[in-house]
N, C-alpha and C. Protein backbone atom coordinates (compact mmCIF):
# COMPACT_ATOMS: atom_id res chain seq x y z
N UNK A 1 -8.92 99.28 124.79
CA UNK A 1 -7.91 99.83 125.67
C UNK A 1 -8.15 99.28 127.08
N UNK A 2 -7.09 98.91 127.75
CA UNK A 2 -7.17 98.45 129.13
C UNK A 2 -7.35 99.64 130.06
N UNK A 3 -7.92 99.37 131.22
CA UNK A 3 -8.08 100.45 132.19
C UNK A 3 -8.11 99.89 133.60
N UNK A 4 -7.81 100.77 134.56
CA UNK A 4 -7.99 100.48 135.97
C UNK A 4 -8.72 101.68 136.57
N UNK A 5 -9.59 101.39 137.53
CA UNK A 5 -10.35 102.44 138.20
C UNK A 5 -10.07 102.35 139.69
N UNK A 6 -9.66 103.47 140.27
CA UNK A 6 -9.42 103.54 141.70
C UNK A 6 -10.57 104.31 142.33
N UNK A 7 -11.18 103.68 143.33
CA UNK A 7 -12.30 104.27 144.05
C UNK A 7 -11.83 104.64 145.45
N UNK A 8 -12.07 105.88 145.86
CA UNK A 8 -11.58 106.38 147.13
C UNK A 8 -12.73 106.90 147.99
N UNK A 9 -12.56 106.77 149.30
CA UNK A 9 -13.55 107.29 150.24
C UNK A 9 -12.86 108.24 151.23
N UNK A 10 -13.67 109.07 151.84
CA UNK A 10 -13.20 110.00 152.86
C UNK A 10 -12.15 110.97 152.34
N UNK A 11 -12.33 111.42 151.11
CA UNK A 11 -11.46 112.43 150.52
C UNK A 11 -12.28 113.26 149.54
N UNK A 12 -11.66 114.28 148.99
CA UNK A 12 -12.32 115.18 148.04
C UNK A 12 -11.49 115.28 146.77
N UNK A 13 -12.12 115.74 145.70
CA UNK A 13 -11.44 115.88 144.42
C UNK A 13 -10.17 116.73 144.52
N UNK A 14 -10.20 117.80 145.31
CA UNK A 14 -9.03 118.68 145.39
C UNK A 14 -7.80 117.96 145.95
N UNK A 15 -8.00 117.13 146.97
CA UNK A 15 -6.87 116.38 147.55
C UNK A 15 -6.33 115.37 146.55
N UNK A 16 -7.22 114.71 145.83
CA UNK A 16 -6.81 113.72 144.83
C UNK A 16 -6.12 114.43 143.66
N UNK A 17 -6.66 115.56 143.26
CA UNK A 17 -6.07 116.36 142.17
C UNK A 17 -4.63 116.74 142.52
N UNK A 18 -4.40 117.15 143.74
CA UNK A 18 -3.05 117.52 144.19
C UNK A 18 -2.11 116.32 144.14
N UNK A 19 -2.57 115.19 144.62
CA UNK A 19 -1.75 113.96 144.63
C UNK A 19 -1.43 113.52 143.21
N UNK A 20 -2.41 113.57 142.32
CA UNK A 20 -2.18 113.17 140.92
C UNK A 20 -1.19 114.11 140.25
N UNK A 21 -1.25 115.38 140.57
CA UNK A 21 -0.30 116.34 139.98
C UNK A 21 1.12 116.09 140.47
N UNK A 22 1.27 115.62 141.71
CA UNK A 22 2.59 115.23 142.21
C UNK A 22 3.10 114.00 141.47
N UNK A 23 2.22 113.07 141.19
CA UNK A 23 2.58 111.81 140.55
C UNK A 23 2.84 111.97 139.05
N UNK A 24 1.92 112.64 138.37
CA UNK A 24 1.96 112.67 136.91
C UNK A 24 2.30 114.03 136.33
N UNK A 25 2.67 114.97 137.17
CA UNK A 25 3.05 116.28 136.67
C UNK A 25 1.84 117.17 136.44
N UNK A 26 2.08 118.29 135.79
CA UNK A 26 1.00 119.26 135.58
C UNK A 26 -0.18 118.64 134.84
N UNK A 27 -1.34 119.10 135.22
CA UNK A 27 -2.55 118.57 134.61
C UNK A 27 -2.97 119.45 133.44
N UNK A 28 -3.73 118.86 132.55
CA UNK A 28 -4.37 119.59 131.46
C UNK A 28 -5.86 119.48 131.74
N UNK A 29 -6.43 120.50 132.37
CA UNK A 29 -7.79 120.38 132.87
C UNK A 29 -7.73 119.40 134.03
N UNK A 30 -8.58 118.43 134.04
CA UNK A 30 -8.52 117.37 135.04
C UNK A 30 -8.05 116.08 134.39
N UNK A 31 -7.00 116.17 133.59
CA UNK A 31 -6.41 115.01 132.93
C UNK A 31 -4.90 115.07 133.13
N UNK A 32 -4.34 113.88 133.32
CA UNK A 32 -2.90 113.75 133.52
C UNK A 32 -2.38 112.66 132.60
N UNK A 33 -1.09 112.74 132.29
CA UNK A 33 -0.41 111.72 131.49
C UNK A 33 0.78 111.22 132.30
N UNK A 34 0.99 109.90 132.27
CA UNK A 34 2.12 109.32 132.98
C UNK A 34 2.88 108.41 132.04
N UNK A 35 4.20 108.47 132.03
CA UNK A 35 5.07 109.31 132.83
C UNK A 35 4.97 110.78 132.42
N UNK A 36 5.19 111.67 133.40
CA UNK A 36 5.07 113.10 133.09
C UNK A 36 6.10 113.55 132.07
N UNK A 37 5.67 114.40 131.16
CA UNK A 37 6.57 114.95 130.15
C UNK A 37 6.91 114.02 129.02
N UNK A 38 6.38 112.80 129.02
CA UNK A 38 6.69 111.84 127.97
C UNK A 38 5.93 112.17 126.68
N UNK A 39 6.58 111.97 125.56
CA UNK A 39 5.88 112.15 124.28
C UNK A 39 5.02 110.93 123.95
N UNK A 40 5.21 109.84 124.69
CA UNK A 40 4.41 108.63 124.52
C UNK A 40 3.90 108.17 125.88
N UNK A 41 2.87 108.84 126.39
CA UNK A 41 2.35 108.46 127.70
C UNK A 41 1.86 107.01 127.73
N UNK A 42 1.91 106.43 128.89
CA UNK A 42 1.43 105.06 129.08
C UNK A 42 0.08 105.08 129.79
N UNK A 43 -0.09 105.97 130.75
CA UNK A 43 -1.35 106.11 131.47
C UNK A 43 -2.00 107.44 131.13
N UNK A 44 -3.28 107.38 130.83
CA UNK A 44 -4.10 108.56 130.57
C UNK A 44 -5.11 108.63 131.72
N UNK A 45 -4.91 109.56 132.63
CA UNK A 45 -5.61 109.56 133.91
C UNK A 45 -6.62 110.72 133.97
N UNK A 46 -7.80 110.41 134.52
CA UNK A 46 -8.80 111.46 134.73
C UNK A 46 -9.81 110.99 135.78
N UNK A 47 -10.60 111.94 136.29
CA UNK A 47 -11.65 111.57 137.22
C UNK A 47 -12.69 110.74 136.48
N UNK A 48 -13.30 109.81 137.20
CA UNK A 48 -14.26 108.88 136.61
C UNK A 48 -15.58 109.03 137.36
N UNK A 49 -16.57 109.58 136.68
CA UNK A 49 -17.86 109.83 137.31
C UNK A 49 -18.99 109.04 136.66
N UNK A 50 -18.68 108.12 135.76
CA UNK A 50 -19.70 107.41 134.99
C UNK A 50 -20.12 106.07 135.57
N UNK A 51 -19.47 105.58 136.61
CA UNK A 51 -19.74 104.21 137.04
C UNK A 51 -21.19 104.00 137.46
N UNK A 52 -21.82 105.00 138.06
CA UNK A 52 -23.22 104.81 138.48
C UNK A 52 -24.16 104.72 137.29
N UNK A 53 -23.81 105.34 136.16
CA UNK A 53 -24.63 105.24 134.94
C UNK A 53 -24.34 103.98 134.15
N UNK A 54 -23.12 103.48 134.24
CA UNK A 54 -22.70 102.35 133.42
C UNK A 54 -23.09 100.99 133.99
N UNK A 55 -23.38 100.93 135.28
CA UNK A 55 -23.64 99.66 135.93
C UNK A 55 -25.04 99.62 136.52
N UNK A 56 -25.59 98.43 136.58
CA UNK A 56 -26.84 98.22 137.28
C UNK A 56 -26.55 98.30 138.78
N UNK A 57 -27.54 98.69 139.59
CA UNK A 57 -27.29 98.83 141.03
C UNK A 57 -26.68 97.57 141.67
N UNK A 58 -27.13 96.40 141.32
CA UNK A 58 -26.57 95.17 141.90
C UNK A 58 -25.12 94.94 141.55
N UNK A 59 -24.69 95.45 140.42
CA UNK A 59 -23.30 95.29 140.00
C UNK A 59 -22.35 96.15 140.82
N UNK A 60 -22.88 97.15 141.49
CA UNK A 60 -22.06 98.03 142.32
C UNK A 60 -21.93 97.52 143.75
N UNK A 61 -22.64 96.45 144.07
CA UNK A 61 -22.63 95.92 145.44
C UNK A 61 -21.23 95.51 145.91
N UNK A 62 -20.42 94.82 145.10
CA UNK A 62 -19.06 94.47 145.58
C UNK A 62 -18.23 95.71 145.93
N UNK A 63 -18.40 96.78 145.16
CA UNK A 63 -17.68 98.02 145.43
C UNK A 63 -18.14 98.64 146.75
N UNK A 64 -19.44 98.73 146.94
CA UNK A 64 -19.98 99.31 148.17
C UNK A 64 -19.61 98.46 149.39
N UNK A 65 -19.61 97.14 149.22
CA UNK A 65 -19.22 96.26 150.31
C UNK A 65 -17.75 96.44 150.67
N UNK A 66 -16.89 96.53 149.67
CA UNK A 66 -15.45 96.67 149.91
C UNK A 66 -15.11 97.99 150.61
N UNK A 67 -15.84 99.05 150.28
CA UNK A 67 -15.54 100.37 150.84
C UNK A 67 -16.38 100.72 152.06
N UNK A 68 -17.49 100.02 152.24
CA UNK A 68 -18.42 100.35 153.31
C UNK A 68 -19.41 101.42 152.91
N UNK A 69 -19.27 101.96 151.74
CA UNK A 69 -20.17 102.96 151.17
C UNK A 69 -19.74 103.17 149.72
N UNK A 70 -20.49 103.97 148.99
CA UNK A 70 -20.08 104.28 147.63
C UNK A 70 -18.90 105.27 147.67
N UNK A 71 -18.07 105.25 146.63
CA UNK A 71 -16.88 106.11 146.64
C UNK A 71 -17.23 107.60 146.64
N UNK A 72 -16.33 108.37 147.24
CA UNK A 72 -16.44 109.82 147.18
C UNK A 72 -15.76 110.36 145.92
N UNK A 73 -14.69 109.70 145.50
CA UNK A 73 -13.93 110.10 144.31
C UNK A 73 -13.47 108.83 143.61
N UNK A 74 -13.60 108.81 142.28
CA UNK A 74 -13.07 107.70 141.48
C UNK A 74 -12.18 108.29 140.39
N UNK A 75 -11.12 107.56 140.07
CA UNK A 75 -10.15 107.99 139.07
C UNK A 75 -9.89 106.81 138.14
N UNK A 76 -9.88 107.08 136.84
CA UNK A 76 -9.60 106.02 135.87
C UNK A 76 -8.27 106.30 135.17
N UNK A 77 -7.54 105.23 134.91
CA UNK A 77 -6.34 105.32 134.07
C UNK A 77 -6.58 104.40 132.88
N UNK A 78 -6.66 104.98 131.70
CA UNK A 78 -6.68 104.20 130.48
C UNK A 78 -5.24 103.95 130.10
N UNK A 79 -4.96 102.74 129.64
CA UNK A 79 -3.58 102.29 129.49
C UNK A 79 -3.25 102.01 128.04
N UNK A 80 -2.18 102.61 127.59
CA UNK A 80 -1.72 102.42 126.22
C UNK A 80 -1.42 100.95 125.95
N UNK A 81 -1.71 100.52 124.75
CA UNK A 81 -1.42 99.14 124.34
C UNK A 81 0.02 98.96 123.86
N UNK A 82 0.80 100.04 123.84
CA UNK A 82 2.18 99.97 123.34
C UNK A 82 3.13 99.27 124.29
N UNK A 83 2.71 99.10 125.54
CA UNK A 83 3.61 98.55 126.56
C UNK A 83 2.81 97.71 127.55
N UNK A 84 3.42 96.75 128.21
CA UNK A 84 2.68 95.97 129.21
C UNK A 84 2.11 96.85 130.33
N UNK A 85 2.84 97.86 130.77
CA UNK A 85 2.41 98.85 131.76
C UNK A 85 2.22 98.29 133.17
N UNK A 86 2.70 97.10 133.45
CA UNK A 86 2.55 96.54 134.79
C UNK A 86 3.14 97.46 135.86
N UNK A 87 4.35 97.92 135.64
CA UNK A 87 5.02 98.79 136.61
C UNK A 87 4.27 100.09 136.79
N UNK A 88 3.86 100.71 135.69
CA UNK A 88 3.17 102.00 135.76
C UNK A 88 1.83 101.88 136.47
N UNK A 89 1.09 100.81 136.23
CA UNK A 89 -0.20 100.61 136.89
C UNK A 89 0.00 100.40 138.39
N UNK A 90 1.00 99.66 138.77
CA UNK A 90 1.27 99.46 140.20
C UNK A 90 1.69 100.77 140.87
N UNK A 91 2.49 101.57 140.19
CA UNK A 91 2.88 102.87 140.74
C UNK A 91 1.67 103.78 140.91
N UNK A 92 0.75 103.75 139.96
CA UNK A 92 -0.49 104.52 140.03
C UNK A 92 -1.32 104.08 141.24
N UNK A 93 -1.47 102.78 141.41
CA UNK A 93 -2.22 102.25 142.56
C UNK A 93 -1.54 102.65 143.87
N UNK A 94 -0.22 102.53 143.94
CA UNK A 94 0.53 102.93 145.13
C UNK A 94 0.33 104.42 145.42
N UNK A 95 0.37 105.23 144.39
CA UNK A 95 0.23 106.68 144.54
C UNK A 95 -1.07 107.04 145.26
N UNK A 96 -2.18 106.49 144.79
CA UNK A 96 -3.47 106.87 145.37
C UNK A 96 -3.85 106.04 146.59
N UNK A 97 -3.67 104.74 146.52
CA UNK A 97 -4.06 103.89 147.65
C UNK A 97 -3.09 104.01 148.82
N UNK A 98 -1.89 104.50 148.57
CA UNK A 98 -0.96 104.75 149.65
C UNK A 98 -1.28 106.04 150.40
N UNK A 99 -2.06 106.91 149.77
CA UNK A 99 -2.39 108.20 150.38
C UNK A 99 -3.84 108.28 150.86
N UNK A 100 -4.72 107.48 150.26
CA UNK A 100 -6.15 107.55 150.56
C UNK A 100 -6.70 106.14 150.78
N UNK A 101 -7.83 106.06 151.49
CA UNK A 101 -8.48 104.77 151.69
C UNK A 101 -9.33 104.45 150.46
N UNK A 102 -9.14 103.24 149.92
CA UNK A 102 -9.91 102.86 148.75
C UNK A 102 -9.52 101.51 148.20
N UNK A 103 -10.04 101.23 147.01
CA UNK A 103 -9.77 99.99 146.29
C UNK A 103 -9.59 100.30 144.81
N UNK A 104 -9.04 99.34 144.10
CA UNK A 104 -8.86 99.49 142.65
C UNK A 104 -9.46 98.27 141.96
N UNK A 105 -10.10 98.53 140.82
CA UNK A 105 -10.61 97.46 139.96
C UNK A 105 -9.79 97.50 138.68
N UNK A 106 -9.35 96.33 138.25
CA UNK A 106 -8.42 96.28 137.12
C UNK A 106 -9.06 95.97 135.77
N UNK A 107 -10.35 95.92 135.69
CA UNK A 107 -11.01 95.68 134.41
C UNK A 107 -11.05 94.23 134.00
N UNK A 108 -10.35 93.36 134.69
CA UNK A 108 -10.32 91.95 134.34
C UNK A 108 -11.38 91.15 135.11
N UNK A 109 -11.75 91.64 136.28
CA UNK A 109 -12.74 90.95 137.10
C UNK A 109 -13.53 91.99 137.89
N UNK A 110 -14.49 91.54 138.66
CA UNK A 110 -15.27 92.44 139.52
C UNK A 110 -14.57 92.67 140.86
N UNK A 111 -13.43 92.05 141.05
CA UNK A 111 -12.77 92.11 142.34
C UNK A 111 -12.29 93.53 142.67
N UNK A 112 -12.42 93.89 143.93
CA UNK A 112 -11.92 95.17 144.44
C UNK A 112 -10.62 94.91 145.18
N UNK A 113 -9.52 95.34 144.61
CA UNK A 113 -8.19 95.10 145.16
C UNK A 113 -7.80 96.17 146.16
N UNK A 114 -7.32 95.75 147.31
CA UNK A 114 -6.73 96.68 148.27
C UNK A 114 -5.23 96.75 147.97
N UNK A 115 -4.59 97.78 148.48
CA UNK A 115 -3.15 97.91 148.29
C UNK A 115 -2.41 96.76 148.98
N UNK A 116 -2.91 96.34 150.13
CA UNK A 116 -2.27 95.22 150.83
C UNK A 116 -2.31 93.95 149.99
N UNK A 117 -3.42 93.67 149.33
CA UNK A 117 -3.52 92.47 148.48
C UNK A 117 -2.60 92.57 147.27
N UNK A 118 -2.51 93.75 146.69
CA UNK A 118 -1.62 93.93 145.54
C UNK A 118 -0.18 93.71 145.97
N UNK A 119 0.21 94.34 147.06
CA UNK A 119 1.60 94.21 147.54
C UNK A 119 1.95 92.78 147.90
N UNK A 120 0.98 92.03 148.43
CA UNK A 120 1.26 90.65 148.87
C UNK A 120 1.31 89.66 147.72
N UNK A 121 0.87 90.09 146.54
CA UNK A 121 0.83 89.17 145.40
C UNK A 121 -0.37 88.23 145.46
N UNK A 122 -1.40 88.60 146.21
CA UNK A 122 -2.60 87.77 146.32
C UNK A 122 -3.19 87.51 144.94
N UNK A 123 -3.91 86.39 144.84
CA UNK A 123 -4.57 86.05 143.58
C UNK A 123 -6.06 85.86 143.82
N UNK A 124 -6.82 86.12 142.79
CA UNK A 124 -8.26 85.89 142.75
C UNK A 124 -8.52 85.03 141.53
N UNK A 125 -9.12 83.87 141.75
CA UNK A 125 -9.37 82.91 140.66
C UNK A 125 -8.08 82.62 139.89
N UNK A 126 -6.97 82.57 140.63
CA UNK A 126 -5.68 82.23 140.02
C UNK A 126 -4.97 83.38 139.33
N UNK A 127 -5.47 84.61 139.50
CA UNK A 127 -4.88 85.76 138.83
C UNK A 127 -4.51 86.84 139.82
N UNK A 128 -3.34 87.42 139.63
CA UNK A 128 -2.90 88.55 140.43
C UNK A 128 -3.54 89.83 139.89
N UNK A 129 -3.33 90.92 140.57
CA UNK A 129 -3.81 92.22 140.13
C UNK A 129 -3.26 92.55 138.74
N UNK A 130 -4.12 93.06 137.87
CA UNK A 130 -3.78 93.51 136.52
C UNK A 130 -3.14 92.40 135.68
N UNK A 131 -3.61 91.18 135.86
CA UNK A 131 -3.12 90.04 135.07
C UNK A 131 -3.96 89.91 133.79
N UNK A 132 -3.91 90.95 132.98
CA UNK A 132 -4.71 90.99 131.75
C UNK A 132 -4.32 89.87 130.79
N UNK A 133 -3.05 89.51 130.72
CA UNK A 133 -2.63 88.42 129.82
C UNK A 133 -3.19 87.08 130.29
N UNK A 134 -3.15 86.82 131.59
CA UNK A 134 -3.69 85.58 132.14
C UNK A 134 -5.20 85.47 131.94
N UNK A 135 -5.92 86.56 132.19
CA UNK A 135 -7.37 86.55 131.98
C UNK A 135 -7.70 86.33 130.49
N UNK A 136 -6.95 86.98 129.61
CA UNK A 136 -7.16 86.81 128.18
C UNK A 136 -6.92 85.36 127.77
N UNK A 137 -5.84 84.77 128.27
CA UNK A 137 -5.52 83.37 127.97
C UNK A 137 -6.63 82.46 128.45
N UNK A 138 -7.09 82.66 129.70
CA UNK A 138 -8.16 81.82 130.26
C UNK A 138 -9.47 81.99 129.50
N UNK A 139 -9.76 83.18 129.05
CA UNK A 139 -10.99 83.42 128.31
C UNK A 139 -10.95 82.72 126.96
N UNK A 140 -9.80 82.73 126.31
CA UNK A 140 -9.65 82.07 124.99
C UNK A 140 -9.77 80.56 125.12
N UNK A 141 -9.22 80.00 126.20
CA UNK A 141 -9.19 78.55 126.33
C UNK A 141 -10.39 78.02 127.11
N UNK A 142 -11.12 78.93 127.78
CA UNK A 142 -12.25 78.52 128.61
C UNK A 142 -13.45 78.35 127.81
């Protein structure tokens, strides 16, 4: 399953919880589904607290450098394989990064994307934000 993780600083879980509920509708515990009310959700959203256990300390350096410190709150969206989900992932990034200071990692690279870079169509190693098809193609042919 594809995923994106948004890391935020200078905020608290309650503020993020409120914003996510506005975006994705009522929560079930600390989990949301987007689009709200859909019988076939595309994004499965929840708080993400495992990154410090999943990565070696050196692997977290790009994240700490991009934010100036480690995140205060992180949120993950696991993405259904039934749809490309490009639009939904961008709306999710806009929702949180438009309201809070932070970055998003798209699971394709170690790059920390800012909202300004996503909006501008910037590329990293020839790939835009959430270019899972391009990364997959390059990995197969590389």
